[in-house]
C-alpha atoms as a PDB file:
ATOM      1  CA  UNK A   1     -60.289  73.294 -27.073  1.00  0.00           C
ATOM      2  CA  UNK A   2     -62.444  70.936 -24.817  1.00  0.00           C
ATOM      3  CA  UNK A   3     -61.981  71.819 -21.246  1.00  0.00           C
ATOM      4  CA  UNK A   4     -60.652  69.054 -19.213  1.00  0.00           C
ATOM      5  CA  UNK A   5     -63.444  68.083 -16.377  1.00  0.00           C
ATOM      6  CA  UNK A   6     -62.069  68.409 -12.624  1.00  0.00           C
ATOM      7  CA  UNK A   7     -62.243  65.086 -10.771  1.00  0.00           C
ATOM      8  CA  UNK A   8     -61.679  62.952  -7.799  1.00  0.00           C
ATOM      9  CA  UNK A   9     -61.109  59.746  -8.405  1.00  0.00           C
ATOM     10  CA  UNK A  10     -61.867  56.781  -5.792  1.00  0.00           C
ATOM     11  CA  UNK A  11     -60.673  53.485  -6.574  1.00  0.00           C
ATOM     12  CA  UNK A  12     -59.016  50.640  -5.328  1.00  0.00           C
ATOM     13  CA  UNK A  13     -56.002  48.933  -7.480  1.00  0.00           C
ATOM     14  CA  UNK A  14     -56.892  46.662  -9.082  1.00  0.00           C
ATOM     15  CA  UNK A  15     -55.617  45.972 -12.800  1.00  0.00           C
ATOM     16  CA  UNK A  16     -58.637  47.777 -14.396  1.00  0.00           C
ATOM     17  CA  UNK A  17     -58.008  50.644 -12.222  1.00  0.00           C
ATOM     18  CA  UNK A  18     -54.529  51.636 -13.482  1.00  0.00           C
ATOM     19  CA  UNK A  19     -55.908  51.589 -16.650  1.00  0.00           C
ATOM     20  CA  UNK A  20     -58.718  54.092 -15.385  1.00  0.00           C
ATOM     21  CA  UNK A  21     -55.894  56.598 -13.912  1.00  0.00           C
ATOM     22  CA  UNK A  22     -54.400  56.565 -17.060  1.00  0.00           C
ATOM     23  CA  UNK A  23     -57.653  57.405 -18.822  1.00  0.00           C
ATOM     24  CA  UNK A  24     -57.447  59.614 -16.312  1.00  0.00           C
ATOM     25  CA  UNK A  25     -54.420  61.393 -16.781  1.00  0.00           C
ATOM     26  CA  UNK A  26     -55.194  61.521 -20.271  1.00  0.00           C
ATOM     27  CA  UNK A  27     -58.399  63.075 -20.858  1.00  0.00           C
ATOM     28  CA  UNK A  28     -60.003  64.642 -17.315  1.00  0.00           C
ATOM     29  CA  UNK A  29     -57.789  67.095 -14.678  1.00  0.00           C
ATOM     30  CA  UNK A  30     -57.426  64.665 -11.751  1.00  0.00           C
ATOM     31  CA  UNK A  31     -56.602  66.772  -8.659  1.00  0.00           C
ATOM     32  CA  UNK A  32     -56.750  63.593  -6.218  1.00  0.00           C
ATOM     33  CA  UNK A  33     -56.614  59.759  -6.122  1.00  0.00           C
ATOM     34  CA  UNK A  34     -58.841  58.647  -2.949  1.00  0.00           C
ATOM     35  CA  UNK A  35     -57.754  54.706  -1.831  1.00  0.00           C
ATOM     36  CA  UNK A  36     -59.739  51.683  -0.635  1.00  0.00           C
ATOM     37  CA  UNK A  37     -59.391  48.132   0.002  1.00  0.00           C
ATOM     38  CA  UNK A  38     -61.062  46.206  -2.222  1.00  0.00           C
ATOM     39  CA  UNK A  39     -59.019  44.278  -5.134  1.00  0.00           C
ATOM     40  CA  UNK A  40     -56.782  44.176  -2.583  1.00  0.00           C
ATOM     41  CA  UNK A  41     -55.217  44.908   0.640  1.00  0.00           C
ATOM     42  CA  UNK A  42     -55.743  49.176   1.234  1.00  0.00           C
ATOM     43  CA  UNK A  43     -51.512  48.981   1.849  1.00  0.00           C
ATOM     44  CA  UNK A  44     -51.757  47.562  -2.045  1.00  0.00           C
ATOM     45  CA  UNK A  45     -53.546  49.848  -3.310  1.00  0.00           C
ATOM     46  CA  UNK A  46     -52.071  52.612  -1.757  1.00  0.00           C
ATOM     47  CA  UNK A  47     -49.013  51.584  -3.580  1.00  0.00           C
ATOM     48  CA  UNK A  48     -50.597  50.980  -6.762  1.00  0.00           C
ATOM     49  CA  UNK A  49     -51.994  53.788  -7.035  1.00  0.00           C
ATOM     50  CA  UNK A  50     -48.579  56.017  -6.506  1.00  0.00           C
ATOM     51  CA  UNK A  51     -46.271  53.371  -8.624  1.00  0.00           C
ATOM     52  CA  UNK A  52     -49.070  54.258 -11.792  1.00  0.00           C
ATOM     53  CA  UNK A  53     -48.966  57.795 -11.194  1.00  0.00           C
ATOM     54  CA  UNK A  54     -45.256  57.243 -10.971  1.00  0.00           C
ATOM     55  CA  UNK A  55     -45.216  55.530 -13.852  1.00  0.00           C
ATOM     56  CA  UNK A  56     -46.946  58.289 -16.022  1.00  0.00           C
ATOM     57  CA  UNK A  57     -44.676  60.673 -14.677  1.00  0.00           C
ATOM     58  CA  UNK A  58     -48.133  63.151 -12.880  1.00  0.00           C
ATOM     59  CA  UNK A  59     -48.132  64.016  -9.271  1.00  0.00           C
ATOM     60  CA  UNK A  60     -51.312  63.586  -7.757  1.00  0.00           C
ATOM     61  CA  UNK A  61     -52.182  63.517  -3.933  1.00  0.00           C
ATOM     62  CA  UNK A  62     -52.480  59.955  -3.018  1.00  0.00           C
ATOM     63  CA  UNK A  63     -54.858  59.522   0.453  1.00  0.00           C
ATOM     64  CA  UNK A  64     -55.221  56.674   2.200  1.00  0.00           C
ATOM     65  CA  UNK A  65     -58.822  55.225   2.938  1.00  0.00           C
ATOM     66  CA  UNK A  66     -60.763  52.292   4.158  1.00  0.00           C
ATOM     67  CA  UNK A  67     -59.342  49.219   4.663  1.00  0.00           C
ATOM     68  CA  UNK A  68     -62.659  47.820   5.713  1.00  0.00           C
ATOM     69  CA  UNK A  69     -66.257  47.762   4.716  1.00  0.00           C
ATOM     70  CA  UNK A  70     -68.195  49.117   6.936  1.00  0.00           C
ATOM     71  CA  UNK A  71     -69.868  45.976   8.340  1.00  0.00           C
ATOM     72  CA  UNK A  72     -69.050  42.827   6.576  1.00  0.00           C
ATOM     73  CA  UNK A  73     -65.618  41.688   7.007  1.00  0.00           C
ATOM     74  CA  UNK A  74     -63.334  42.745   3.991  1.00  0.00           C
ATOM     75  CA  UNK A  75     -62.639  39.921   0.665  1.00  0.00           C
ATOM     76  CA  UNK A  76     -60.388  40.642  -1.914  1.00  0.00           C
ATOM     77  CA  UNK A  77     -60.317  39.266  -5.803  1.00  0.00           C
ATOM     78  CA  UNK A  78     -56.127  38.799  -6.160  1.00  0.00           C
ATOM     79  CA  UNK A  79     -57.404  35.787  -7.565  1.00  0.00           C
ATOM     80  CA  UNK A  80     -58.037  37.811 -10.153  1.00  0.00           C
ATOM     81  CA  UNK A  81     -55.903  41.313 -10.025  1.00  0.00           C
ATOM     82  CA  UNK A  82     -52.955  39.249  -8.258  1.00  0.00           C
ATOM     83  CA  UNK A  83     -51.609  39.567  -4.927  1.00  0.00           C
ATOM     84  CA  UNK A  84     -50.736  42.313  -5.094  1.00  0.00           C
ATOM     85  CA  UNK A  85     -53.143  43.912  -7.231  1.00  0.00           C
ATOM     86  CA  UNK A  86     -50.908  44.304 -10.667  1.00  0.00           C
ATOM     87  CA  UNK A  87     -51.089  40.591 -11.908  1.00  0.00           C
ATOM     88  CA  UNK A  88     -47.359  38.936 -10.771  1.00  0.00           C
ATOM     89  CA  UNK A  89     -45.096  41.879 -10.528  1.00  0.00           C
ATOM     90  CA  UNK A  90     -43.450  42.507  -7.876  1.00  0.00           C
ATOM     91  CA  UNK A  91     -43.862  46.846  -7.619  1.00  0.00           C
ATOM     92  CA  UNK A  92     -41.732  49.010  -6.221  1.00  0.00           C
ATOM     93  CA  UNK A  93     -41.747  50.974  -3.783  1.00  0.00           C
ATOM     94  CA  UNK A  94     -42.777  54.915  -5.879  1.00  0.00           C
ATOM     95  CA  UNK A  95     -40.811  57.731  -4.818  1.00  0.00           C
ATOM     96  CA  UNK A  96     -44.082  59.859  -4.961  1.00  0.00           C
ATOM     97  CA  UNK A  97     -45.361  59.737  -1.238  1.00  0.00           C
ATOM     98  CA  UNK A  98     -49.183  59.368   0.378  1.00  0.00           C
ATOM     99  CA  UNK A  99     -50.713  62.329   1.585  1.00  0.00           C
ATOM    100  CA  UNK A 100     -50.948  62.898   5.189  1.00  0.00           C
ATOM    101  CA  UNK A 101     -54.347  63.659   4.677  1.00  0.00           C
ATOM    102  CA  UNK A 102     -56.938  61.016   4.846  1.00  0.00           C
ATOM    103  CA  UNK A 103     -59.146  59.894   2.148  1.00  0.00           C
ATOM    104  CA  UNK A 104     -62.814  60.809   3.955  1.00  0.00           C
ATOM    105  CA  UNK A 105     -60.981  64.518   4.716  1.00  0.00           C
ATOM    106  CA  UNK A 106     -60.024  64.702   1.287  1.00  0.00           C
ATOM    107  CA  UNK A 107     -63.072  63.800  -0.211  1.00  0.00           C
ATOM    108  CA  UNK A 108     -64.707  66.973   2.177  1.00  0.00           C
ATOM    109  CA  UNK A 109     -61.961  69.213   0.901  1.00  0.00           C
ATOM    110  CA  UNK A 110     -62.431  68.642  -2.300  1.00  0.00           C
ATOM    111  CA  UNK A 111     -66.575  68.536  -2.301  1.00  0.00           C
ATOM    112  CA  UNK A 112     -65.567  71.703  -0.318  1.00  0.00           C
ATOM    113  CA  UNK A 113     -66.937  74.368  -3.350  1.00  0.00           C
ATOM    114  CA  UNK A 114     -69.690  72.494  -4.670  1.00  0.00           C
ATOM    115  CA  UNK A 115     -69.901  71.307  -8.496  1.00  0.00           C
ATOM    116  CA  UNK A 116     -67.541  68.559  -7.282  1.00  0.00           C
ATOM    117  CA  UNK A 117     -67.007  65.340 -10.119  1.00  0.00           C
ATOM    118  CA  UNK A 118     -65.918  61.986  -8.821  1.00  0.00           C
ATOM    119  CA  UNK A 119     -65.157  59.310 -10.210  1.00  0.00           C
ATOM    120  CA  UNK A 120     -65.145  55.766  -8.060  1.00  0.00           C
ATOM    121  CA  UNK A 121     -64.333  52.694  -9.212  1.00  0.00           C
ATOM    122  CA  UNK A 122     -64.370  50.180  -6.599  1.00  0.00           C
ATOM    123  CA  UNK A 123     -66.381  49.506  -3.368  1.00  0.00           C
ATOM    124  CA  UNK A 124     -67.994  52.662  -1.715  1.00  0.00           C
ATOM    125  CA  UNK A 125     -65.994  52.518   1.746  1.00  0.00           C
ATOM    126  CA  UNK A 126     -64.968  56.247   1.256  1.00  0.00           C
ATOM    127  CA  UNK A 127     -67.646  57.706  -0.092  1.00  0.00           C
ATOM    128  CA  UNK A 128     -70.051  56.507   2.288  1.00  0.00           C
ATOM    129  CA  UNK A 129     -67.876  57.678   5.580  1.00  0.00           C
ATOM    130  CA  UNK A 130     -67.544  60.914   3.936  1.00  0.00           C
ATOM    131  CA  UNK A 131     -71.316  60.897   3.131  1.00  0.00           C
ATOM    132  CA  UNK A 132     -72.060  59.839   7.302  1.00  0.00           C
ATOM    133  CA  UNK A 133     -69.729  62.345   8.604  1.00  0.00           C
ATOM    134  CA  UNK A 134     -71.605  65.216   6.800  1.00  0.00           C
ATOM    135  CA  UNK A 135     -74.475  64.638   5.377  1.00  0.00           C
ATOM    136  CA  UNK A 136     -74.910  67.586   3.324  1.00  0.00           C
ATOM    137  CA  UNK A 137     -71.937  66.692   1.376  1.00  0.00           C
ATOM    138  CA  UNK A 138     -74.241  65.170  -1.022  1.00  0.00           C
ATOM    139  CA  UNK A 139     -75.691  68.487  -1.936  1.00  0.00           C
ATOM    140  CA  UNK A 140     -71.856  69.758  -2.783  1.00  0.00           C
ATOM    141  CA  UNK A 141     -71.670  66.713  -5.287  1.00  0.00           C
ATOM    142  CA  UNK A 142     -73.057  67.676  -9.246  1.00  0.00           C
ATOM    143  CA  UNK A 143     -71.835  63.844 -10.132  1.00  0.00           C
ATOM    144  CA  UNK A 144     -70.801  61.100  -9.039  1.00  0.00           C
ATOM    145  CA  UNK A 145     -69.749  57.952 -11.569  1.00  0.00           C
ATOM    146  CA  UNK A 146     -69.392  54.747 -10.111  1.00  0.00           C
ATOM    147  CA  UNK A 147     -68.555  51.330 -11.206  1.00  0.00           C
ATOM    148  CA  UNK A 148     -70.423  49.020  -9.878  1.00  0.00           C
ATOM    149  CA  UNK A 149     -73.133  46.603  -9.338  1.00  0.00           C
ATOM    150  CA  UNK A 150     -74.987  45.408 -12.052  1.00  0.00           C
ATOM    151  CA  UNK A 151     -78.642  45.092 -13.664  1.00  0.00           C
ATOM    152  CA  UNK A 152     -78.092  41.815 -14.640  1.00  0.00           C
ATOM    153  CA  UNK A 153     -75.683  39.137 -14.088  1.00  0.00           C
ATOM    154  CA  UNK A 154     -73.036  38.755 -11.093  1.00  0.00           C
ATOM    155  CA  UNK A 155     -69.129  37.798 -11.358  1.00  0.00           C
ATOM    156  CA  UNK A 156     -69.380  37.163  -7.272  1.00  0.00           C
ATOM    157  CA  UNK A 157     -72.172  35.552  -7.167  1.00  0.00           C
ATOM    158  CA  UNK A 158     -74.918  34.614  -9.805  1.00  0.00           C
ATOM    159  CA  UNK A 159     -76.524  38.188  -9.069  1.00  0.00           C
ATOM    160  CA  UNK A 160     -73.805  40.136  -7.188  1.00  0.00           C
ATOM    161  CA  UNK A 161     -70.952  42.682  -9.247  1.00  0.00           C
ATOM    162  CA  UNK A 162     -67.561  42.602  -6.744  1.00  0.00           C
ATOM    163  CA  UNK A 163     -67.949  46.386  -5.554  1.00  0.00           C
ATOM    164  CA  UNK A 164     -71.360  46.044  -4.748  1.00  0.00           C
ATOM    165  CA  UNK A 165     -70.826  42.601  -3.330  1.00  0.00           C
ATOM    166  CA  UNK A 166     -67.515  43.769  -1.001  1.00  0.00           C
ATOM    167  CA  UNK A 167     -69.526  46.430   1.133  1.00  0.00           C
ATOM    168  CA  UNK A 168     -73.378  46.698   0.133  1.00  0.00           C
ATOM    169  CA  UNK A 169     -73.772  48.878   3.225  1.00  0.00           C
ATOM    170  CA  UNK A 170     -71.742  52.007   1.762  1.00  0.00           C
ATOM    171  CA  UNK A 171     -73.790  50.916  -1.496  1.00  0.00           C
ATOM    172  CA  UNK A 172     -76.891  51.825   0.490  1.00  0.00           C
ATOM    173  CA  UNK A 173     -75.646  54.816   2.645  1.00  0.00           C
ATOM    174  CA  UNK A 174     -74.574  56.504  -0.982  1.00  0.00           C
ATOM    175  CA  UNK A 175     -77.596  56.000  -2.821  1.00  0.00           C
ATOM    176  CA  UNK A 176     -79.878  56.564  -0.092  1.00  0.00           C
ATOM    177  CA  UNK A 177     -77.963  59.686   0.011  1.00  0.00           C
ATOM    178  CA  UNK A 178     -79.659  60.979  -3.208  1.00  0.00           C
ATOM    179  CA  UNK A 179     -75.628  62.143  -4.548  1.00  0.00           C
ATOM    180  CA  UNK A 180     -76.665  62.525  -8.199  1.00  0.00           C
ATOM    181  CA  UNK A 181     -75.205  58.989  -9.371  1.00  0.00           C
ATOM    182  CA  UNK A 182     -74.415  57.258 -12.537  1.00  0.00           C
ATOM    183  CA  UNK A 183     -73.997  52.871 -12.566  1.00  0.00           C
ATOM    184  CA  UNK A 184     -71.980  51.926 -14.743  1.00  0.00           C
ATOM    185  CA  UNK A 185     -72.550  47.760 -14.168  1.00  0.00           C
ATOM    186  CA  UNK A 186     -71.585  44.478 -15.475  1.00  0.00           C
ATOM    187  CA  UNK A 187     -74.163  44.258 -17.905  1.00  0.00           C
ATOM    188  CA  UNK A 188     -72.531  47.573 -19.709  1.00  0.00           C
ATOM    189  CA  UNK A 189     -68.269  46.879 -18.217  1.00  0.00           C
ATOM    190  CA  UNK A 190     -68.697  43.142 -19.826  1.00  0.00           C
ATOM    191  CA  UNK A 191     -68.835  45.032 -23.239  1.00  0.00           C
ATOM    192  CA  UNK A 192     -65.486  46.712 -23.033  1.00  0.00           C
ATOM    193  CA  UNK A 193     -63.579  43.729 -23.632  1.00  0.00           C
ATOM    194  CA  UNK A 194     -59.588  44.137 -24.469  1.00  0.00           C
ATOM    195  CA  UNK A 195     -57.657  41.324 -26.767  1.00  0.00           C
ATOM    196  CA  UNK A 196     -54.555  39.583 -27.252  1.00  0.00           C
ATOM    197  CA  UNK A 197     -55.009  42.550 -30.095  1.00  0.00           C
ATOM    198  CA  UNK A 198     -55.060  45.034 -27.903  1.00  0.00           C
ATOM    199  CA  UNK A 199     -51.446  43.498 -25.779  1.00  0.00           C
ATOM    200  CA  UNK A 200     -50.031  43.123 -29.187  1.00  0.00           C
ATOM    201  CA  UNK A 201     -50.917  46.992 -29.817  1.00  0.00           C
ATOM    202  CA  UNK A 202     -49.206  48.610 -26.690  1.00  0.00           C
ATOM    203  CA  UNK A 203     -46.496  46.159 -26.939  1.00  0.00           C
ATOM    204  CA  UNK A 204     -45.600  47.813 -30.060  1.00  0.00           C
ATOM    205  CA  UNK A 205     -46.347  51.173 -28.740  1.00  0.00           C
ATOM    206  CA  UNK A 206     -43.273  50.760 -26.843  1.00  0.00           C
ATOM    207  CA  UNK A 207     -43.939  53.470 -24.479  1.00  0.00           C
ATOM    208  CA  UNK A 208     -42.574  53.662 -20.434  1.00  0.00           C
ATOM    209  CA  UNK A 209     -46.631  52.618 -19.622  1.00  0.00           C
ATOM    210  CA  UNK A 210     -47.843  50.556 -22.725  1.00  0.00           C
ATOM    211  CA  UNK A 211     -45.127  48.242 -21.731  1.00  0.00           C
ATOM    212  CA  UNK A 212     -46.486  47.365 -18.109  1.00  0.00           C
ATOM    213  CA  UNK A 213     -49.395  47.978 -19.212  1.00  0.00           C
ATOM    214  CA  UNK A 214     -49.206  45.066 -21.187  1.00  0.00           C
ATOM    215  CA  UNK A 215     -47.795  43.372 -19.287  1.00  0.00           C
ATOM    216  CA  UNK A 216     -50.419  43.719 -16.542  1.00  0.00           C
ATOM    217  CA  UNK A 217     -53.538  43.136 -19.298  1.00  0.00           C
ATOM    218  CA  UNK A 218     -51.804  40.347 -20.371  1.00  0.00           C
ATOM    219  CA  UNK A 219     -51.982  38.776 -16.828  1.00  0.00           C
ATOM    220  CA  UNK A 220     -55.111  39.858 -16.473  1.00  0.00           C
ATOM    221  CA  UNK A 221     -56.593  38.202 -19.787  1.00  0.00           C
ATOM    222  CA  UNK A 222     -55.387  34.597 -18.325  1.00  0.00           C
ATOM    223  CA  UNK A 223     -56.910  35.050 -14.915  1.00  0.00           C
ATOM    224  CA  UNK A 224     -60.783  34.878 -13.734  1.00  0.00           C
ATOM    225  CA  UNK A 225     -63.403  34.318 -16.242  1.00  0.00           C
ATOM    226  CA  UNK A 226     -60.667  33.648 -19.036  1.00  0.00           C
ATOM    227  CA  UNK A 227     -63.022  34.110 -23.029  1.00  0.00           C
ATOM    228  CA  UNK A 228     -62.150  34.466 -26.504  1.00  0.00           C
ATOM    229  CA  UNK A 229     -63.709  37.520 -26.678  1.00  0.00           C
ATOM    230  CA  UNK A 230     -60.878  39.104 -24.493  1.00  0.00           C
ATOM    231  CA  UNK A 231     -61.225  40.887 -20.679  1.00  0.00           C
ATOM    232  CA  UNK A 232     -63.738  43.682 -19.689  1.00  0.00           C
ATOM    233  CA  UNK A 233     -61.733  47.014 -18.466  1.00  0.00           C
ATOM    234  CA  UNK A 234     -64.582  47.603 -16.050  1.00  0.00           C
ATOM    235  CA  UNK A 235     -63.447  50.733 -14.295  1.00  0.00           C
ATOM    236  CA  UNK A 236     -62.438  52.623 -17.477  1.00  0.00           C
ATOM    237  CA  UNK A 237     -65.892  52.720 -18.319  1.00  0.00           C
ATOM    238  CA  UNK A 238     -66.411  55.167 -15.110  1.00  0.00           C
ATOM    239  CA  UNK A 239     -63.953  57.598 -16.369  1.00  0.00           C
ATOM    240  CA  UNK A 240     -64.712  57.552 -20.567  1.00  0.00           C
ATOM    241  CA  UNK A 241     -68.344  58.006 -19.171  1.00  0.00           C
ATOM    242  CA  UNK A 242     -67.165  61.214 -17.641  1.00  0.00           C
ATOM    243  CA  UNK A 243     -65.505  62.760 -20.434  1.00  0.00           C
ATOM    244  CA  UNK A 244     -66.706  61.068 -23.725  1.00  0.00           C
ATOM    245  CA  UNK A 245     -70.569  60.596 -22.733  1.00  0.00           C
ATOM    246  CA  UNK A 246     -71.472  60.293 -25.987  1.00  0.00           C
ATOM    247  CA  UNK A 247     -70.023  56.670 -26.273  1.00  0.00           C
ATOM    248  CA  UNK A 248     -72.521  55.073 -23.389  1.00  0.00           C
ATOM    249  CA  UNK A 249     -76.666  55.237 -23.518  1.00  0.00           C
ATOM    250  CA  UNK A 250     -77.724  56.169 -20.344  1.00  0.00           C
ATOM    251  CA  UNK A 251     -81.734  55.249 -18.782  1.00  0.00           C
ATOM    252  CA  UNK A 252     -82.757  56.257 -15.232  1.00  0.00           C
ATOM    253  CA  UNK A 253     -84.061  53.351 -12.931  1.00  0.00           C
ATOM    254  CA  UNK A 254     -85.337  52.002  -9.259  1.00  0.00           C
ATOM    255  CA  UNK A 255     -82.443  50.340  -7.597  1.00  0.00           C
ATOM    256  CA  UNK A 256     -82.779  48.215  -4.585  1.00  0.00           C
ATOM    257  CA  UNK A 257     -80.048  47.165  -3.139  1.00  0.00           C
ATOM    258  CA  UNK A 258     -79.444  43.668  -1.047  1.00  0.00           C
ATOM    259  CA  UNK A 259     -77.491  44.839   1.959  1.00  0.00           C
ATOM    260  CA  UNK A 260     -78.103  41.235   4.138  1.00  0.00           C
ATOM    261  CA  UNK A 261     -75.340  38.456   3.946  1.00  0.00           C
ATOM    262  CA  UNK A 262     -77.413  36.109   2.001  1.00  0.00           C
ATOM    263  CA  UNK A 263     -77.565  34.839  -1.866  1.00  0.00           C
ATOM    264  CA  UNK A 264     -78.960  38.077  -3.058  1.00  0.00           C
ATOM    265  CA  UNK A 265     -76.258  39.982  -0.649  1.00  0.00           C
ATOM    266  CA  UNK A 266     -74.824  43.235  -3.406  1.00  0.00           C
ATOM    267  CA  UNK A 267     -77.653  42.706  -5.914  1.00  0.00           C
ATOM    268  CA  UNK A 268     -78.298  45.954  -7.505  1.00  0.00           C
ATOM    269  CA  UNK A 269     -82.247  44.973  -8.914  1.00  0.00           C
ATOM    270  CA  UNK A 270     -83.854  46.924 -10.559  1.00  0.00           C
ATOM    271  CA  UNK A 271     -87.412  47.702 -10.087  1.00  0.00           C
ATOM    272  CA  UNK A 272     -89.790  48.545 -12.438  1.00  0.00           C
ATOM    273  CA  UNK A 273     -92.092  50.821 -10.228  1.00  0.00           C
ATOM    274  CA  UNK A 274     -91.468  53.355  -6.797  1.00  0.00           C
ATOM    275  CA  UNK A 275     -91.323  51.819  -3.936  1.00  0.00           C
ATOM    276  CA  UNK A 276     -90.062  52.373  -0.642  1.00  0.00           C
ATOM    277  CA  UNK A 277     -86.688  50.991  -0.485  1.00  0.00           C
ATOM    278  CA  UNK A 278     -85.571  52.116  -4.462  1.00  0.00           C
ATOM    279  CA  UNK A 279     -83.704  54.919  -5.157  1.00  0.00           C
ATOM    280  CA  UNK A 280     -83.540  55.917  -8.893  1.00  0.00           C
ATOM    281  CA  UNK A 281     -80.612  56.037  -9.964  1.00  0.00           C
ATOM    282  CA  UNK A 282     -79.014  56.701 -13.759  1.00  0.00           C
ATOM    283  CA  UNK A 283     -77.536  53.381 -15.318  1.00  0.00           C
ATOM    284  CA  UNK A 284     -75.437  52.744 -17.881  1.00  0.00           C
ATOM    285  CA  UNK A 285     -76.817  50.636 -20.799  1.00  0.00           C
ATOM    286  CA  UNK A 286     -75.068  50.076 -24.230  1.00  0.00           C
ATOM    287  CA  UNK A 287     -71.211  51.191 -24.718  1.00  0.00           C
ATOM    288  CA  UNK A 288     -69.743  51.780 -28.182  1.00  0.00           C
ATOM    289  CA  UNK A 289     -66.987  49.205 -26.975  1.00  0.00           C
ATOM    290  CA  UNK A 290     -64.421  50.153 -30.168  1.00  0.00           C
ATOM    291  CA  UNK A 291     -64.493  53.642 -29.293  1.00  0.00           C
ATOM    292  CA  UNK A 292     -63.993  53.298 -25.732  1.00  0.00           C
ATOM    293  CA  UNK A 293     -61.261  50.892 -25.860  1.00  0.00           C
ATOM    294  CA  UNK A 294     -59.843  52.909 -28.207  1.00  0.00           C
ATOM    295  CA  UNK A 295     -59.396  56.003 -26.267  1.00  0.00           C
ATOM    296  CA  UNK A 296     -57.443  53.508 -23.470  1.00  0.00           C
ATOM    297  CA  UNK A 297     -55.594  51.953 -25.377  1.00  0.00           C
ATOM    298  CA  UNK A 298     -54.477  55.647 -26.267  1.00  0.00           C
ATOM    299  CA  UNK A 299     -54.469  56.504 -22.499  1.00  0.00           C
ATOM    300  CA  UNK A 300     -52.254  53.196 -21.321  1.00  0.00           C
ATOM    301  CA  UNK A 301     -49.476  54.595 -24.519  1.00  0.00           C
ATOM    302  CA  UNK A 302     -49.332  58.425 -23.703  1.00  0.00           C
ATOM    303  CA  UNK A 303     -51.036  59.144 -20.237  1.00  0.00           C
ATOM    304  CA  UNK A 304     -49.620  62.535 -20.413  1.00  0.00           C
ATOM    305  CA  UNK A 305     -51.153  63.228 -23.819  1.00  0.00           C
ATOM    306  CA  UNK A 306     -47.342  64.181 -25.710  1.00  0.00           C
ATOM    307  CA  UNK A 307     -48.740  63.091 -29.006  1.00  0.00           C
ATOM    308  CA  UNK A 308     -51.615  65.312 -28.827  1.00  0.00           C
ATOM    309  CA  UNK A 309     -50.507  68.712 -31.985  1.00  0.00           C
END
């Protein structure tokens, strides 16, 4: 039997984060969730994480994190994810309560024994704050899988991806810490898309999770940049990069993060040579997209894995 990797997930749910949480429940030992403001406010991301866990019948501690970026004002992506973060639904209060331990301390506690795996699918504010609080933390993280950045186009500006643009200083702090890191940016995640066919597949499955996720995907498909080839489910890639690395090609690149508040803000720019301002990180380049989406659908239908023999 394949060993399920133990992870902490730092996220800002968000429709694609919701799919990513279900993937984490299905394929990993999800130790904790820490929430951060990003797609929507910290109140909404924390409530949404609790709701998705309860929908899936999972008991995982949820730790509230940063309400704002390190230095720049908070900006949401509610035009894509809806005012609640989960489309146009009125998200009910979950019976699961949030943990009293805040995100930064939860991250430090989780990493205490070393060899920790973290999956981050939002702005890196919590991670950066933890690294600033304890500069030795990077030595105890075996790997950080981050959905963010881009080596090609952006989705906030022509050059910047939302998670990097939302808190560029956090990206810079995290990269400079030298924590082992793989970046799953738009150059990769735009390859992994779900379509109306997948909405129908989720509805046909008829599970409590798949019906809700079908509604969220339908909303997502009509907001933001609408495409005939479907909407990218960005955040799932970072989770599945842990559990199914064979589905992704990875190369090392020298990346410069632009933090100035100008037209390059949030860029994660590849340098073709070492510079004093660049950090070497692993960058996911291509995905076996159909296999990734199949796994996402499987997790959305049955996050507990009850359908396994």
